Amino acid sequence: MTTTTARRLPPGPDSPAAQQLAAFERDPFGCVEEMRRRYGDLFTLRLGGLGNEDLVDVEHNGAWVFLTRPHQLRVMYGSDGSTSGALANKLFFGTEEESVGYIDGALHRRRRAQLHPAFSGGRDYAAIVAAAVDDHVARWPRGKTLDLFRALQALTGDIIVEVVCGAMAPADKAELSRLLPPMEDATNGREEILAADRVIREFVDRRLPGHLERCTEQGREDVFAALLRHAAEGDEALTDEVVRDEVFSLLYTGFSTTANTLAWTFLHVLHDERVRGELERELGDRFRARPLNAAGFRDLDYAEATITEALRLHPVSALNGVRMVTAPLPLDGHLIPPGTVLVHCAHLLQRDPACYPDPLVFRPERFAGTTADPYLFGAFGGGARTCVGRGYARAVMRMILALVLSSVNLEAVEQIPPAGRQGIFMAPARTLCRVEER
């Protein structure tokens, strides 16, 4: 049977909402694959507030409509006047905060403009990335197995902490890096993840006083200080609480999704001698010398295509872009009622043979020398709310891939695993590899 709420919503299961949410949380990708087989390219799941009802108070009818075709995304991203990304994100992440992901309109545009200089991909972070890679790779055990995902979490955590909070004392930065991984750990339950969230916010909150002055004394500017400077110059929306939440959000997303995608990228490279050979030919030996700058990484077309292909095949969530409908919205013969959440489901779209031939084959050449169509590729969301850190993430992942492959030999010790939930996002369930000297 299917739901027919006033003939407005697309079809979906009629099982209790709690049962639907449990199935989705147990195996998000498997769940949406089954829904598409049963109901087609547009379907409805009753997911409520994703279990966040006790954390966020947003009027919501509990229906999540999954979009899996390019023309549906054009409707979703072309309907800013009748949808809200802020309300949907508050449900998704379970927060009432006012950082960039949870605000709309002119305020959202202003905040993105404030963050753009640091995360557009134009700022040169090569020295930071190279120093972190050198430090971490030197400590990877030679001749032994390494949990690559955990190692990449530690590496990307150190990098984003340096970018966002670089003027903090070294001990504070080390502690902040240590606090991040519990947010994305399959062994932690909901309460442990929420506790880790609180600890990080409190840690940042205690370091608000004096941070701007420390940056001035050191003659440097990190993202934390840039936000505080905008507040000092009269942006009343940037209260201390908002700055704290913004810093937390940047730290969390900057380490988690980057590590997840890099883990998939390395696994595919290690299992495909052809792809590895193409990368090694492109890299040569130019990244073994120091110092390095961002310009040296910009012509890595095959490395960029390899990362894009990993993002295509392995998006970090089944919910890659979310919008809450705020006025009745026509879509494929349905009239979607207010309170419904529209979902850009990149996992289904990007594995559709109508969009990508042989979609389950890892083939970086799909993206070599081309720009991905935003309605066929949505790893960073889409429309006006495309991830503000997209440029940063791409640049840093390209650098890490190049530097690690130039520093050590990694060898796979098991097959590429299925995806598994790590906190909010999805990552490889297992990532053991062997580390050898080059």
Protein backbone atom coordinates (compact mmCIF):
# COMPACT_ATOMS: atom_id res chain seq x y z
CA MET A 1 0.00 0.00 0.00
CA THR A 2 1.08 3.62 -0.45
CA THR A 3 0.30 6.86 1.26
CA THR A 4 -2.12 9.25 -0.46
CA THR A 5 -2.18 12.28 1.81
CA ALA A 6 -4.87 14.36 0.06
CA ARG A 7 -3.31 13.11 -3.21
CA ARG A 8 -0.54 15.59 -2.64
CA LEU A 9 2.47 13.54 -1.61
CA PRO A 10 4.35 11.03 -3.80
CA PRO A 11 3.94 7.36 -2.89
CA GLY A 12 5.71 5.73 0.02
CA PRO A 13 5.27 3.03 2.67
CA ASP A 14 2.30 3.15 5.03
CA SER A 15 4.17 1.56 7.95
CA PRO A 16 4.37 3.56 11.20
CA ALA A 17 6.69 6.57 11.09
CA ALA A 18 8.88 5.15 13.88
CA GLN A 19 9.39 1.99 11.85
CA GLN A 20 10.31 3.96 8.73
CA LEU A 21 12.81 6.08 10.66
CA ALA A 22 14.37 2.98 12.24
CA ALA A 23 14.82 1.37 8.81
CA PHE A 24 16.35 4.54 7.41
CA GLU A 25 18.75 5.03 10.33
CA ARG A 26 19.80 1.37 10.26
CA ASP A 27 20.82 1.48 6.59
CA PRO A 28 20.17 4.84 4.86
CA PHE A 29 21.50 3.86 1.45
CA GLY A 30 19.86 0.43 1.44
CA CYS A 31 16.58 1.98 2.56
CA VAL A 32 16.40 4.58 -0.22
CA GLU A 33 17.48 2.00 -2.83
CA GLU A 34 14.57 -0.21 -1.79
CA MET A 35 12.14 2.73 -1.81
CA ARG A 36 13.16 3.62 -5.35
CA ARG A 37 12.66 0.03 -6.50
CA ARG A 38 9.20 -0.02 -4.97
CA TYR A 39 7.92 3.49 -5.67
CA GLY A 40 9.97 5.00 -8.48
CA ASP A 41 11.96 8.21 -8.90
CA LEU A 42 9.92 10.30 -6.43
CA PHE A 43 8.90 8.81 -3.10
CA THR A 44 7.95 9.82 0.44
CA LEU A 45 9.35 8.56 3.74
CA ARG A 46 7.86 9.50 7.11
CA LEU A 47 11.01 10.39 9.05
CA GLY A 48 9.56 13.01 11.41
CA GLY A 49 12.34 15.13 12.89
CA LEU A 50 14.98 12.40 12.41
CA GLY A 51 14.76 11.80 16.14
CA ASN A 52 15.57 15.45 16.87
CA GLU A 53 12.15 16.44 18.16
CA ASP A 54 13.51 17.03 21.65
CA LEU A 55 16.27 19.28 20.32
CA VAL A 56 14.55 21.55 17.82
CA ASP A 57 11.04 22.97 17.63
CA VAL A 58 10.14 23.34 13.95
CA GLU A 59 6.62 22.98 12.55
CA HIS A 60 6.87 19.97 10.28
CA ASN A 61 4.45 17.41 8.85
CA GLY A 62 6.99 14.58 9.11
CA ALA A 63 7.13 13.79 5.38
CA TRP A 64 10.45 13.69 3.52
CA VAL A 65 10.14 13.57 -0.28
CA PHE A 66 13.22 12.16 -2.01
CA LEU A 67 14.21 13.65 -5.37
CA THR A 68 16.36 11.51 -7.64
CA ARG A 69 16.10 13.10 -11.11
CA PRO A 70 17.77 16.27 -12.49
CA HIS A 71 14.50 17.99 -13.43
CA GLN A 72 13.22 17.51 -9.86
CA LEU A 73 16.33 19.22 -8.49
CA ARG A 74 15.75 22.16 -10.83
CA VAL A 75 12.37 22.63 -9.14
CA MET A 76 13.84 22.27 -5.66
CA TYR A 77 16.74 24.66 -6.17
CA GLY A 78 14.73 27.07 -8.29
CA SER A 79 12.06 27.56 -5.64
CA ASP A 80 13.88 29.62 -3.01
CA GLY A 81 10.73 31.67 -2.42
CA SER A 82 8.70 28.61 -1.38
CA THR A 83 11.34 26.57 0.43
CA SER A 84 13.66 27.08 3.40
CA GLY A 85 17.07 25.48 3.74
CA ALA A 86 17.48 26.80 7.26
CA LEU A 87 14.41 25.04 8.68
CA ALA A 88 15.32 21.76 7.00
CA ASN A 89 18.90 21.90 8.26
CA LYS A 90 17.68 22.52 11.80
CA LEU A 91 15.72 19.28 11.60
CA PHE A 92 18.56 17.40 9.95
CA PHE A 93 21.24 18.44 12.44
CA GLY A 94 18.93 18.91 15.42
CA THR A 95 19.86 22.44 16.45
CA GLU A 96 18.34 25.89 16.82
CA GLU A 97 21.63 27.68 16.27
CA GLU A 98 22.11 30.61 13.87
CA SER A 99 25.29 29.66 12.04
CA VAL A 100 25.41 29.78 8.23
CA GLY A 101 23.57 26.51 7.64
CA TYR A 102 20.59 27.57 9.74
CA ILE A 103 19.73 31.02 8.44
CA ASP A 104 17.97 32.25 5.30
CA GLY A 105 17.71 35.33 3.11
CA ALA A 106 19.93 38.39 3.32
CA LEU A 107 21.53 37.25 6.59
CA HIS A 108 22.54 33.96 4.97
CA ARG A 109 24.04 35.77 1.98
CA ARG A 110 26.00 38.12 4.24
CA ARG A 111 27.39 35.28 6.37
CA ARG A 112 28.47 33.34 3.29
CA ALA A 113 30.26 36.45 2.04
CA GLN A 114 32.07 36.71 5.39
CA LEU A 115 33.22 33.07 5.19
CA HIS A 116 33.95 33.03 1.46
CA PRO A 117 37.54 34.38 1.62
CA ALA A 118 38.63 31.52 3.88
CA PHE A 119 36.77 28.67 2.19
CA SER A 120 36.45 29.52 -1.51
CA GLY A 121 39.59 27.54 -2.30
CA GLY A 122 41.53 30.67 -3.21
CA ARG A 123 43.51 31.02 0.02
CA ASP A 124 46.88 29.25 0.12
CA TYR A 125 46.76 26.52 2.76
CA ALA A 126 49.52 24.40 1.18
CA ALA A 127 52.01 25.07 3.99
CA ILE A 128 49.47 24.08 6.65
CA VAL A 129 48.48 20.92 4.80
CA ALA A 130 52.06 19.89 4.01
CA ALA A 131 53.17 20.38 7.61
CA ALA A 132 50.25 18.29 8.90
CA VAL A 133 50.77 15.51 6.33
CA ASP A 134 54.51 15.35 7.09
CA ASP A 135 53.85 15.15 10.82
CA HIS A 136 51.13 12.50 10.62
CA VAL A 137 52.67 10.30 7.92
CA ALA A 138 55.96 10.21 9.82
CA ARG A 139 54.07 8.61 12.72
CA TRP A 140 52.20 6.01 10.66
CA PRO A 141 53.64 2.56 11.55
CA ARG A 142 55.74 1.06 8.73
CA GLY A 143 55.23 -2.56 7.87
CA LYS A 144 52.01 -2.69 9.88
CA THR A 145 48.32 -2.11 9.28
CA LEU A 146 46.76 1.29 9.73
CA ASP A 147 43.11 2.26 10.16
CA LEU A 148 43.20 4.78 7.34
CA PHE A 149 39.86 6.41 8.15
CA ARG A 150 40.88 7.18 11.74
CA ALA A 151 44.27 8.40 10.54
CA LEU A 152 42.61 10.72 8.01
CA GLN A 153 40.22 12.02 10.67
CA ALA A 154 43.19 12.96 12.85
CA LEU A 155 44.96 14.59 9.88
CA THR A 156 41.98 16.59 8.58
CA GLY A 157 41.10 17.56 12.15
CA ASP A 158 44.52 19.12 12.70
CA ILE A 159 44.26 20.99 9.40
CA ILE A 160 40.80 22.49 9.96
CA VAL A 161 41.71 23.44 13.54
CA GLU A 162 44.76 25.31 12.21
CA VAL A 163 42.68 27.06 9.54
CA VAL A 164 39.82 28.07 11.84
CA CYS A 165 41.60 28.49 15.19
CA GLY A 166 45.26 28.84 14.24
CA ALA A 167 46.03 31.59 16.78
CA MET A 168 45.04 29.43 19.75
CA ALA A 169 47.78 28.11 21.98
CA PRO A 170 49.34 24.87 20.66
CA ALA A 171 47.97 22.88 23.60
CA ASP A 172 44.47 24.21 22.93
CA LYS A 173 44.68 23.29 19.25
CA ALA A 174 45.88 19.79 20.11
CA GLU A 175 42.98 19.37 22.55
CA LEU A 176 40.45 20.64 20.03
CA SER A 177 41.73 18.18 17.43
CA ARG A 178 41.38 15.39 19.97
CA LEU A 179 37.78 16.35 20.71
CA LEU A 180 36.56 16.16 17.10
CA PRO A 181 36.68 12.41 16.19
CA PRO A 182 34.11 11.27 18.81
CA MET A 183 31.55 13.26 16.79
CA GLU A 184 32.01 10.82 13.88
CA ASP A 185 32.50 7.43 15.50
CA ALA A 186 30.29 4.41 14.87
CA THR A 187 31.02 3.11 18.36
CA ASN A 188 29.37 6.16 19.95
CA GLY A 189 25.64 6.36 20.49
CA ARG A 190 23.42 9.40 20.19
CA GLU A 191 23.99 10.60 23.74
CA GLU A 192 27.76 10.28 23.45
CA ILE A 193 27.75 12.26 20.20
CA LEU A 194 25.60 15.00 21.75
CA ALA A 195 27.94 15.10 24.73
CA ALA A 196 30.95 15.49 22.41
CA ASP A 197 29.09 18.31 20.64
CA ARG A 198 28.56 20.15 23.94
CA VAL A 199 32.16 19.71 25.02
CA ILE A 200 33.51 21.26 21.80
CA ARG A 201 31.12 24.21 21.93
CA GLU A 202 32.03 24.86 25.55
CA PHE A 203 35.72 24.63 24.71
CA VAL A 204 35.37 27.27 21.97
CA ASP A 205 33.10 29.40 24.17
CA ARG A 206 35.76 29.64 26.88
CA ARG A 207 38.31 30.88 24.34
CA LEU A 208 36.20 33.68 22.87
CA PRO A 209 37.62 36.33 25.25
CA GLY A 210 40.98 37.52 24.03
CA HIS A 211 41.16 35.54 20.79
CA LEU A 212 41.00 38.61 18.56
CA GLU A 213 43.71 40.28 20.61
CA ARG A 214 45.94 37.17 20.33
CA CYS A 215 45.60 37.26 16.54
CA THR A 216 46.55 40.93 16.47
CA GLU A 217 49.59 40.28 18.67
CA GLN A 218 50.70 37.39 16.45
CA GLY A 219 50.07 39.30 13.25
CA ARG A 220 47.82 36.57 11.86
CA GLU A 221 44.16 36.09 11.04
CA ASP A 222 42.30 32.81 11.44
CA VAL A 223 38.61 32.29 10.68
CA PHE A 224 37.65 32.54 14.35
CA ALA A 225 39.22 36.00 14.48
CA ALA A 226 37.65 37.06 11.19
CA LEU A 227 34.18 36.36 12.61
CA LEU A 228 35.00 38.23 15.81
CA ARG A 229 36.28 41.15 13.76
CA HIS A 230 33.02 41.32 11.76
CA ALA A 231 31.15 41.34 15.08
CA ALA A 232 33.35 44.12 16.45
CA GLU A 233 32.75 46.16 13.29
CA GLY A 234 29.00 46.18 13.88
CA ASP A 235 27.46 42.91 12.67
CA GLU A 236 24.96 42.49 15.49
CA ALA A 237 23.90 39.06 14.24
CA LEU A 238 27.34 37.73 15.18
CA THR A 239 26.76 37.37 18.90
CA ASP A 240 29.29 35.38 20.92
CA GLU A 241 26.94 32.41 20.81
CA VAL A 242 26.65 32.60 17.01
CA VAL A 243 30.42 32.92 16.58
CA ARG A 244 30.91 29.89 18.81
CA ASP A 245 28.37 27.87 16.82
CA GLU A 246 29.87 28.98 13.51
CA VAL A 247 33.32 27.88 14.63
CA PHE A 248 31.94 24.55 15.81
CA SER A 249 30.11 23.96 12.51
CA LEU A 250 33.20 24.76 10.44
CA LEU A 251 35.39 22.48 12.54
CA TYR A 252 32.94 19.59 12.46
CA THR A 253 32.09 19.61 8.77
CA GLY A 254 35.66 20.52 7.83
CA PHE A 255 37.13 17.39 9.36
CA SER A 256 34.35 14.83 9.03
CA THR A 257 33.19 14.93 5.42
CA THR A 258 36.73 15.53 4.14
CA ALA A 259 38.07 12.45 5.95
CA ASN A 260 35.13 10.35 4.76
CA THR A 261 35.65 11.22 1.10
CA LEU A 262 39.42 10.82 1.28
CA ALA A 263 39.00 7.36 2.81
CA TRP A 264 36.88 6.25 -0.17
CA THR A 265 39.31 7.88 -2.58
CA PHE A 266 42.35 6.07 -1.19
CA LEU A 267 40.52 2.73 -1.05
CA HIS A 268 39.63 2.92 -4.74
CA VAL A 269 43.13 4.04 -5.69
CA LEU A 270 44.68 1.16 -3.75
CA HIS A 271 42.38 -1.34 -5.48
CA ASP A 272 42.84 -0.07 -9.02
CA GLU A 273 46.35 -0.27 -10.45
CA ARG A 274 45.31 1.66 -13.56
CA VAL A 275 44.00 4.63 -11.56
CA ARG A 276 47.00 4.50 -9.24
CA GLY A 277 49.37 4.47 -12.18
CA GLU A 278 47.69 7.50 -13.76
CA LEU A 279 47.93 9.39 -10.47
CA GLU A 280 51.58 8.51 -9.92
CA ARG A 281 52.44 9.66 -13.44
CA GLU A 282 50.67 12.96 -12.82
CA LEU A 283 52.34 13.48 -9.44
CA GLY A 284 55.86 12.48 -10.42
CA ASP A 285 58.32 13.50 -7.71
CA ARG A 286 57.53 17.20 -7.51
CA PHE A 287 55.84 17.03 -4.09
CA ARG A 288 58.80 15.57 -2.24
CA ALA A 289 60.49 18.96 -1.91
CA ARG A 290 59.51 21.71 0.51
CA PRO A 291 58.25 24.43 0.75
CA LEU A 292 55.08 24.07 -1.33
CA ASN A 293 52.39 26.52 -2.38
CA ALA A 294 48.83 26.15 -3.65
CA ALA A 295 49.80 26.93 -7.24
CA GLY A 296 51.75 23.67 -7.43
CA PHE A 297 48.57 21.65 -6.85
CA ARG A 298 46.26 23.40 -9.29
CA ASP A 299 47.13 21.40 -12.42
CA LEU A 300 46.38 18.00 -10.88
CA ASP A 301 43.50 17.27 -13.24
CA TYR A 302 43.50 13.51 -12.74
CA ALA A 303 43.72 13.80 -8.96
CA GLU A 304 40.78 16.23 -9.04
CA ALA A 305 38.80 13.85 -11.26
CA THR A 306 39.60 10.95 -8.91
CA ILE A 307 38.22 12.86 -5.92
CA THR A 308 35.13 13.90 -7.89
CA GLU A 309 34.50 10.28 -8.84
CA ALA A 310 34.77 9.25 -5.17
CA LEU A 311 32.25 11.97 -4.31
CA ARG A 312 29.94 10.72 -7.06
CA LEU A 313 30.02 7.08 -6.00
CA HIS A 314 30.13 7.73 -2.25
CA PRO A 315 28.26 10.86 -1.09
CA VAL A 316 28.53 11.23 2.68
CA SER A 317 24.77 11.11 3.28
CA ALA A 318 21.46 10.04 1.75
CA LEU A 319 20.34 13.63 2.46
CA ASN A 320 22.66 15.80 0.39
CA GLY A 321 20.51 18.88 0.16
CA VAL A 322 17.35 19.54 2.17
CA ARG A 323 14.68 22.22 1.85
CA MET A 324 11.46 22.61 3.81
CA VAL A 325 8.47 23.57 1.69
CA THR A 326 6.88 26.78 2.98
CA ALA A 327 4.16 27.20 0.31
CA PRO A 328 2.38 24.55 -1.82
CA LEU A 329 4.88 23.40 -4.47
CA PRO A 330 3.90 21.59 -7.72
CA LEU A 331 6.26 18.73 -8.53
CA ASP A 332 5.73 15.93 -11.06
CA GLY A 333 1.96 16.02 -10.77
CA HIS A 334 1.93 16.33 -6.98
CA LEU A 335 1.22 19.40 -4.89
CA ILE A 336 3.74 19.20 -2.08
CA PRO A 337 2.27 20.74 1.10
CA PRO A 338 4.06 23.13 3.45
CA GLY A 339 6.07 21.42 6.16
CA THR A 340 7.35 18.73 3.80
CA VAL A 341 11.12 18.34 3.49
CA LEU A 342 12.50 17.92 -0.02
CA VAL A 343 15.64 15.77 -0.21
CA HIS A 344 18.32 15.89 -2.88
CA CYS A 345 19.37 12.24 -2.78
CA ALA A 346 22.75 12.18 -4.53
CA HIS A 347 23.26 8.51 -3.69
CA LEU A 348 20.41 7.52 -6.01
CA LEU A 349 20.95 10.21 -8.64
CA GLN A 350 24.68 9.60 -8.98
CA ARG A 351 24.28 5.81 -9.25
CA ASP A 352 21.58 6.03 -11.90
CA PRO A 353 22.67 4.45 -15.23
CA ALA A 354 20.55 7.05 -17.03
CA CYS A 355 22.92 9.69 -15.64
CA TYR A 356 26.21 7.77 -15.49
CA PRO A 357 26.91 4.68 -17.65
CA ASP A 358 28.22 1.75 -15.59
CA PRO A 359 27.51 3.77 -12.44
CA LEU A 360 29.07 1.32 -9.97
CA VAL A 361 32.42 1.34 -11.79
CA PHE A 362 35.04 3.73 -10.37
CA ARG A 363 36.15 5.71 -13.41
CA PRO A 364 37.78 9.13 -12.82
CA GLU A 365 37.84 9.77 -16.56
CA ARG A 366 34.15 10.70 -16.33
CA PHE A 367 35.27 14.05 -14.91
CA ALA A 368 38.65 14.56 -16.57
CA GLY A 369 38.80 18.01 -18.13
CA THR A 370 35.13 18.75 -17.42
CA THR A 371 33.01 20.55 -14.86
CA ALA A 372 30.36 18.39 -13.21
CA ASP A 373 26.76 19.28 -14.07
CA PRO A 374 25.23 20.60 -10.79
CA TYR A 375 21.96 18.76 -11.52
CA LEU A 376 23.76 15.45 -12.05
CA PHE A 377 26.33 15.85 -9.27
CA GLY A 378 25.35 17.12 -5.85
CA ALA A 379 27.91 15.98 -3.30
CA PHE A 380 28.03 19.54 -1.91
CA GLY A 381 24.30 20.24 -2.16
CA GLY A 382 23.08 22.78 -4.67
CA GLY A 383 21.54 26.13 -5.40
CA ALA A 384 22.18 29.15 -3.23
CA ARG A 385 23.02 26.90 -0.28
CA THR A 386 25.81 24.89 -1.90
CA CYS A 387 28.34 24.05 0.82
CA VAL A 388 30.34 27.17 1.68
CA GLY A 389 33.44 25.01 2.17
CA ARG A 390 33.32 23.28 -1.22
CA GLY A 391 36.40 25.06 -2.62
CA TYR A 392 38.37 24.52 0.58
CA ALA A 393 37.44 20.83 0.75
CA ARG A 394 38.41 20.15 -2.85
CA ALA A 395 41.73 21.96 -2.51
CA VAL A 396 42.68 20.26 0.76
CA MET A 397 41.66 16.78 -0.46
CA ARG A 398 43.70 17.26 -3.63
CA MET A 399 46.74 18.27 -1.57
CA ILE A 400 46.40 15.38 0.90
CA LEU A 401 45.96 12.81 -1.88
CA ALA A 402 49.06 14.09 -3.69
CA LEU A 403 51.25 14.40 -0.60
CA VAL A 404 50.38 11.04 0.96
CA LEU A 405 50.88 9.13 -2.30
CA SER A 406 54.21 10.95 -2.73
CA SER A 407 55.34 10.09 0.82
CA VAL A 408 54.53 6.42 1.46
CA ASN A 409 53.33 3.25 -0.22
CA LEU A 410 49.88 2.21 0.96
CA GLU A 411 48.64 -1.29 0.21
CA ALA A 412 45.11 -2.63 0.63
CA VAL A 413 44.69 -5.62 2.95
CA GLU A 414 40.97 -6.26 2.38
CA GLN A 415 38.23 -5.60 -0.16
CA ILE A 416 36.46 -2.25 -0.43
CA PRO A 417 33.77 -2.40 2.29
CA PRO A 418 30.18 -1.18 2.30
CA ALA A 419 29.32 2.22 3.72
CA GLY A 420 28.58 2.49 7.42
CA ARG A 421 27.25 5.28 9.58
CA GLN A 422 29.86 7.29 11.47
CA GLY A 423 27.93 9.81 13.55
CA ILE A 424 25.69 11.77 11.17
CA PHE A 425 27.60 10.92 8.00
CA MET A 426 28.53 7.76 6.11
CA ALA A 427 32.06 6.41 5.59
CA PRO A 428 33.72 3.09 4.70
CA ALA A 429 32.89 0.50 7.33
CA ARG A 430 36.52 -0.71 7.39
CA THR A 431 39.69 0.94 6.08
CA LEU A 432 42.68 -1.17 7.09
CA CYS A 433 45.74 -0.78 4.88
CA ARG A 434 49.46 -1.49 5.12
CA VAL A 435 52.06 1.29 5.20
CA GLU A 436 55.50 0.89 3.63
CA GLU A 437 58.30 3.31 2.80
CA ARG A 438 58.48 4.52 -0.77
